[in-house]
Amino acid sequence: MNWDAIGAIGELVGAVAVVATLIYFAQQIRGSSRDSAAEYFTANQAIQADITKLTIDHAELLTRANRNEELSDAERLVFTQLVRHFAGSYFRATRRAQTLGLVAAEQAQLTSFASFLHGNAAARSEWVRAEKQARNNRVAMGMVGNDDFRPRIEALLNRLDAAARDNQR
């Protein structure tokens, strides 16, 4: 056997090793993606359970707020914190889905939150007020970033509003 033949065999063995390594890495990535998706859905179930529990625990307050009834200062504070908690939960779930590349889950989170706001006028008003205040604070502190959560929710709300108007005709 000459050196050229030995070199060719070495190159062939090296190429097979590279292909085997790539297949191994692909399997590892696929398994990691499945684990991340499962983790996301488990965490999302916990978030939904938390939101449901808070809604049940504060059903009377939420109902009164959405009827535009007068709330005491303490009730207004609790209502404001509930809306912020709901918004924060949906925001974190949306970001987590976005980070994992779960496009359908990301859209589902946005749609769920927009539907919640669309069906709860007082919550929607509070969210709009809180978002304006937060945006002003971020600008004042020089923390303006590329946040697409708010515009995407507003676009969904506009579509829900248009659909509701069309259904009333």
C-alpha atoms as a PDB file:
ATOM      1  CA  MET A   1       0.000   0.000   0.000  1.00  0.00           C
ATOM      2  CA  ASN A   2       1.357   3.408  -0.883  1.00  0.00           C
ATOM      3  CA  TRP A   3       1.010   6.681   1.015  1.00  0.00           C
ATOM      4  CA  ASP A   4      -1.712   8.009  -1.315  1.00  0.00           C
ATOM      5  CA  ALA A   5      -3.943   5.014  -0.535  1.00  0.00           C
ATOM      6  CA  ILE A   6      -3.333   5.388   3.202  1.00  0.00           C
ATOM      7  CA  GLY A   7      -4.157   9.117   2.933  1.00  0.00           C
ATOM      8  CA  ALA A   8      -7.398   8.358   1.050  1.00  0.00           C
ATOM      9  CA  ILE A   9      -8.440   5.823   3.707  1.00  0.00           C
ATOM     10  CA  GLY A  10      -7.675   8.393   6.414  1.00  0.00           C
ATOM     11  CA  GLU A  11      -9.811  10.989   4.658  1.00  0.00           C
ATOM     12  CA  LEU A  12     -12.656   8.480   4.306  1.00  0.00           C
ATOM     13  CA  VAL A  13     -12.494   7.577   8.009  1.00  0.00           C
ATOM     14  CA  GLY A  14     -12.420  11.301   8.886  1.00  0.00           C
ATOM     15  CA  ALA A  15     -15.469  12.015   6.691  1.00  0.00           C
ATOM     16  CA  VAL A  16     -17.412   9.126   8.290  1.00  0.00           C
ATOM     17  CA  ALA A  17     -16.494  10.453  11.748  1.00  0.00           C
ATOM     18  CA  VAL A  18     -17.723  13.951  10.836  1.00  0.00           C
ATOM     19  CA  VAL A  19     -21.047  12.576   9.519  1.00  0.00           C
ATOM     20  CA  ALA A  20     -21.489  10.430  12.644  1.00  0.00           C
ATOM     21  CA  THR A  21     -20.780  13.455  14.862  1.00  0.00           C
ATOM     22  CA  LEU A  22     -23.303  15.595  12.964  1.00  0.00           C
ATOM     23  CA  ILE A  23     -25.979  12.891  13.294  1.00  0.00           C
ATOM     24  CA  TYR A  24     -25.271  12.660  17.034  1.00  0.00           C
ATOM     25  CA  PHE A  25     -25.511  16.439  17.475  1.00  0.00           C
ATOM     26  CA  ALA A  26     -28.767  16.561  15.490  1.00  0.00           C
ATOM     27  CA  GLN A  27     -30.286  13.930  17.789  1.00  0.00           C
ATOM     28  CA  GLN A  28     -29.126  15.821  20.864  1.00  0.00           C
ATOM     29  CA  ILE A  29     -30.598  19.086  19.594  1.00  0.00           C
ATOM     30  CA  ARG A  30     -33.893  17.408  18.679  1.00  0.00           C
ATOM     31  CA  GLY A  31     -34.106  15.859  22.169  1.00  0.00           C
ATOM     32  CA  SER A  32     -33.254  19.191  23.789  1.00  0.00           C
ATOM     33  CA  SER A  33     -35.956  20.947  21.752  1.00  0.00           C
ATOM     34  CA  ARG A  34     -38.535  18.369  22.825  1.00  0.00           C
ATOM     35  CA  ASP A  35     -37.498  18.785  26.461  1.00  0.00           C
ATOM     36  CA  SER A  36     -37.711  22.587  26.179  1.00  0.00           C
ATOM     37  CA  ALA A  37     -41.174  22.411  24.607  1.00  0.00           C
ATOM     38  CA  ALA A  38     -42.383  20.030  27.321  1.00  0.00           C
ATOM     39  CA  GLU A  39     -40.961  22.346  29.985  1.00  0.00           C
ATOM     40  CA  TYR A  40     -42.712  25.322  28.357  1.00  0.00           C
ATOM     41  CA  PHE A  41     -46.086  23.573  28.305  1.00  0.00           C
ATOM     42  CA  THR A  42     -45.720  22.467  31.935  1.00  0.00           C
ATOM     43  CA  ALA A  43     -44.830  26.015  33.010  1.00  0.00           C
ATOM     44  CA  ASN A  44     -47.691  27.384  30.927  1.00  0.00           C
ATOM     45  CA  GLN A  45     -50.165  25.093  32.674  1.00  0.00           C
ATOM     46  CA  ALA A  46     -48.963  26.456  36.016  1.00  0.00           C
ATOM     47  CA  ILE A  47     -49.428  30.036  34.765  1.00  0.00           C
ATOM     48  CA  GLN A  48     -52.951  29.272  33.539  1.00  0.00           C
ATOM     49  CA  ALA A  49     -53.804  27.606  36.863  1.00  0.00           C
ATOM     50  CA  ASP A  50     -52.523  30.695  38.710  1.00  0.00           C
ATOM     51  CA  ILE A  51     -54.592  33.043  36.526  1.00  0.00           C
ATOM     52  CA  THR A  52     -57.684  30.868  36.959  1.00  0.00           C
ATOM     53  CA  LYS A  53     -57.248  30.771  40.740  1.00  0.00           C
ATOM     54  CA  LEU A  54     -56.792  34.539  40.955  1.00  0.00           C
ATOM     55  CA  THR A  55     -59.840  35.073  38.746  1.00  0.00           C
ATOM     56  CA  ILE A  56     -61.966  32.821  40.970  1.00  0.00           C
ATOM     57  CA  ASP A  57     -60.589  34.356  44.183  1.00  0.00           C
ATOM     58  CA  HIS A  58     -61.349  37.886  42.943  1.00  0.00           C
ATOM     59  CA  ALA A  59     -64.395  37.195  40.767  1.00  0.00           C
ATOM     60  CA  GLU A  60     -66.583  39.746  42.541  1.00  0.00           C
ATOM     61  CA  LEU A  61     -63.961  42.492  42.261  1.00  0.00           C
ATOM     62  CA  LEU A  62     -63.325  41.754  38.574  1.00  0.00           C
ATOM     63  CA  THR A  63     -67.052  41.735  37.870  1.00  0.00           C
ATOM     64  CA  ARG A  64     -67.607  45.031  39.692  1.00  0.00           C
ATOM     65  CA  ALA A  65     -64.674  46.663  37.892  1.00  0.00           C
ATOM     66  CA  ASN A  66     -65.990  45.536  34.499  1.00  0.00           C
ATOM     67  CA  ARG A  67     -69.438  46.905  35.351  1.00  0.00           C
ATOM     68  CA  ASN A  68     -67.719  50.247  35.959  1.00  0.00           C
ATOM     69  CA  GLU A  69     -68.841  50.222  39.579  1.00  0.00           C
ATOM     70  CA  GLU A  70     -67.051  52.425  42.088  1.00  0.00           C
ATOM     71  CA  LEU A  71     -64.082  50.690  43.700  1.00  0.00           C
ATOM     72  CA  SER A  72     -62.479  51.671  46.981  1.00  0.00           C
ATOM     73  CA  ASP A  73     -58.807  52.650  46.899  1.00  0.00           C
ATOM     74  CA  ALA A  74     -57.865  49.229  48.260  1.00  0.00           C
ATOM     75  CA  GLU A  75     -60.007  47.462  45.640  1.00  0.00           C
ATOM     76  CA  ARG A  76     -58.536  49.627  42.881  1.00  0.00           C
ATOM     77  CA  LEU A  77     -55.033  48.676  44.055  1.00  0.00           C
ATOM     78  CA  VAL A  78     -55.890  44.952  44.038  1.00  0.00           C
ATOM     79  CA  PHE A  79     -57.531  45.261  40.610  1.00  0.00           C
ATOM     80  CA  THR A  80     -54.513  47.093  39.192  1.00  0.00           C
ATOM     81  CA  GLN A  81     -52.156  44.440  40.553  1.00  0.00           C
ATOM     82  CA  LEU A  82     -54.331  41.636  39.134  1.00  0.00           C
ATOM     83  CA  VAL A  83     -54.244  43.163  35.654  1.00  0.00           C
ATOM     84  CA  ARG A  84     -50.481  43.711  35.882  1.00  0.00           C
ATOM     85  CA  HIS A  85     -49.993  40.151  37.096  1.00  0.00           C
ATOM     86  CA  PHE A  86     -52.075  38.778  34.214  1.00  0.00           C
ATOM     87  CA  ALA A  87     -50.180  40.929  31.707  1.00  0.00           C
ATOM     88  CA  GLY A  88     -46.823  39.908  33.157  1.00  0.00           C
ATOM     89  CA  SER A  89     -47.761  36.231  33.083  1.00  0.00           C
ATOM     90  CA  TYR A  90     -48.827  36.397  29.453  1.00  0.00           C
ATOM     91  CA  PHE A  91     -45.758  38.468  28.564  1.00  0.00           C
ATOM     92  CA  ARG A  92     -43.372  35.936  30.161  1.00  0.00           C
ATOM     93  CA  ALA A  93     -45.170  32.993  28.526  1.00  0.00           C
ATOM     94  CA  THR A  94     -45.031  34.746  25.151  1.00  0.00           C
ATOM     95  CA  ARG A  95     -41.317  35.481  25.519  1.00  0.00           C
ATOM     96  CA  ARG A  96     -40.590  31.912  26.609  1.00  0.00           C
ATOM     97  CA  ALA A  97     -42.464  30.528  23.565  1.00  0.00           C
ATOM     98  CA  GLN A  98     -40.642  33.015  21.333  1.00  0.00           C
ATOM     99  CA  THR A  99     -37.249  32.016  22.750  1.00  0.00           C
ATOM    100  CA  LEU A 100     -37.982  28.333  22.150  1.00  0.00           C
ATOM    101  CA  GLY A 101     -39.230  28.994  18.624  1.00  0.00           C
ATOM    102  CA  LEU A 102     -42.741  27.776  19.444  1.00  0.00           C
ATOM    103  CA  VAL A 103     -44.539  30.075  17.009  1.00  0.00           C
ATOM    104  CA  ALA A 104     -48.027  28.586  17.498  1.00  0.00           C
ATOM    105  CA  ALA A 105     -47.700  28.747  21.290  1.00  0.00           C
ATOM    106  CA  GLU A 106     -46.458  32.328  21.088  1.00  0.00           C
ATOM    107  CA  GLN A 107     -49.454  33.341  18.972  1.00  0.00           C
ATOM    108  CA  ALA A 108     -51.797  31.469  21.326  1.00  0.00           C
ATOM    109  CA  GLN A 109     -50.461  33.452  24.307  1.00  0.00           C
ATOM    110  CA  LEU A 110     -50.908  36.755  22.500  1.00  0.00           C
ATOM    111  CA  THR A 111     -54.412  35.807  21.375  1.00  0.00           C
ATOM    112  CA  SER A 112     -55.413  34.649  24.873  1.00  0.00           C
ATOM    113  CA  PHE A 113     -54.287  37.891  26.460  1.00  0.00           C
ATOM    114  CA  ALA A 114     -55.921  40.022  23.762  1.00  0.00           C
ATOM    115  CA  SER A 115     -59.153  38.046  24.202  1.00  0.00           C
ATOM    116  CA  PHE A 116     -58.993  38.585  27.965  1.00  0.00           C
ATOM    117  CA  LEU A 117     -58.565  42.333  27.487  1.00  0.00           C
ATOM    118  CA  HIS A 118     -61.259  42.461  24.811  1.00  0.00           C
ATOM    119  CA  GLY A 119     -63.760  40.789  27.128  1.00  0.00           C
ATOM    120  CA  ASN A 120     -62.847  42.873  30.179  1.00  0.00           C
ATOM    121  CA  ALA A 121     -63.170  46.576  29.447  1.00  0.00           C
ATOM    122  CA  ALA A 122     -61.866  47.705  32.832  1.00  0.00           C
ATOM    123  CA  ALA A 123     -58.830  45.430  32.543  1.00  0.00           C
ATOM    124  CA  ARG A 124     -58.187  46.784  29.064  1.00  0.00           C
ATOM    125  CA  SER A 125     -58.346  50.383  30.277  1.00  0.00           C
ATOM    126  CA  GLU A 126     -56.021  49.558  33.178  1.00  0.00           C
ATOM    127  CA  TRP A 127     -53.567  47.778  30.887  1.00  0.00           C
ATOM    128  CA  VAL A 128     -53.487  50.714  28.443  1.00  0.00           C
ATOM    129  CA  ARG A 129     -52.942  53.153  31.341  1.00  0.00           C
ATOM    130  CA  ALA A 130     -50.208  50.996  32.905  1.00  0.00           C
ATOM    131  CA  GLU A 131     -48.469  50.479  29.549  1.00  0.00           C
ATOM    132  CA  LYS A 132     -48.369  54.230  28.884  1.00  0.00           C
ATOM    133  CA  GLN A 133     -46.919  54.821  32.336  1.00  0.00           C
ATOM    134  CA  ALA A 134     -44.358  52.024  31.898  1.00  0.00           C
ATOM    135  CA  ARG A 135     -43.354  53.337  28.465  1.00  0.00           C
ATOM    136  CA  ASN A 136     -42.873  56.848  29.883  1.00  0.00           C
ATOM    137  CA  ASN A 137     -40.760  55.419  32.714  1.00  0.00           C
ATOM    138  CA  ARG A 138     -38.611  53.407  30.282  1.00  0.00           C
ATOM    139  CA  VAL A 139     -38.066  56.503  28.127  1.00  0.00           C
ATOM    140  CA  ALA A 140     -37.201  58.615  31.185  1.00  0.00           C
ATOM    141  CA  MET A 141     -34.634  56.016  32.281  1.00  0.00           C
ATOM    142  CA  GLY A 142     -33.248  55.593  28.757  1.00  0.00           C
ATOM    143  CA  MET A 143     -34.403  51.980  28.591  1.00  0.00           C
ATOM    144  CA  VAL A 144     -36.204  52.102  25.269  1.00  0.00           C
ATOM    145  CA  GLY A 145     -35.908  48.705  23.611  1.00  0.00           C
ATOM    146  CA  ASN A 146     -37.415  46.688  20.829  1.00  0.00           C
ATOM    147  CA  ASP A 147     -40.562  45.400  22.550  1.00  0.00           C
ATOM    148  CA  ASP A 148     -43.180  44.072  20.170  1.00  0.00           C
ATOM    149  CA  PHE A 149     -45.568  42.658  22.810  1.00  0.00           C
ATOM    150  CA  ARG A 150     -47.694  45.793  23.134  1.00  0.00           C
ATOM    151  CA  PRO A 151     -48.099  46.508  19.385  1.00  0.00           C
ATOM    152  CA  ARG A 152     -48.976  42.881  18.720  1.00  0.00           C
ATOM    153  CA  ILE A 153     -51.623  42.883  21.469  1.00  0.00           C
ATOM    154  CA  GLU A 154     -53.033  46.172  20.153  1.00  0.00           C
ATOM    155  CA  ALA A 155     -53.228  44.743  16.611  1.00  0.00           C
ATOM    156  CA  LEU A 156     -55.117  41.700  17.904  1.00  0.00           C
ATOM    157  CA  LEU A 157     -57.444  43.933  19.925  1.00  0.00           C
ATOM    158  CA  ASN A 158     -58.170  46.001  16.819  1.00  0.00           C
ATOM    159  CA  ARG A 159     -59.062  42.823  14.925  1.00  0.00           C
ATOM    160  CA  LEU A 160     -61.305  41.642  17.777  1.00  0.00           C
ATOM    161  CA  ASP A 161     -62.984  45.067  17.903  1.00  0.00           C
ATOM    162  CA  ALA A 162     -63.591  44.999  14.140  1.00  0.00           C
ATOM    163  CA  ALA A 163     -65.026  41.480  14.317  1.00  0.00           C
ATOM    164  CA  ALA A 164     -67.330  42.524  17.168  1.00  0.00           C
ATOM    165  CA  ARG A 165     -68.543  45.534  15.152  1.00  0.00           C
ATOM    166  CA  ASP A 166     -69.153  43.306  12.114  1.00  0.00           C
ATOM    167  CA  ASN A 167     -71.144  40.873  14.243  1.00  0.00           C
ATOM    168  CA  GLN A 168     -73.353  43.690  15.540  1.00  0.00           C
ATOM    169  CA  ARG A 169     -74.429  44.666  12.027  1.00  0.00           C
END
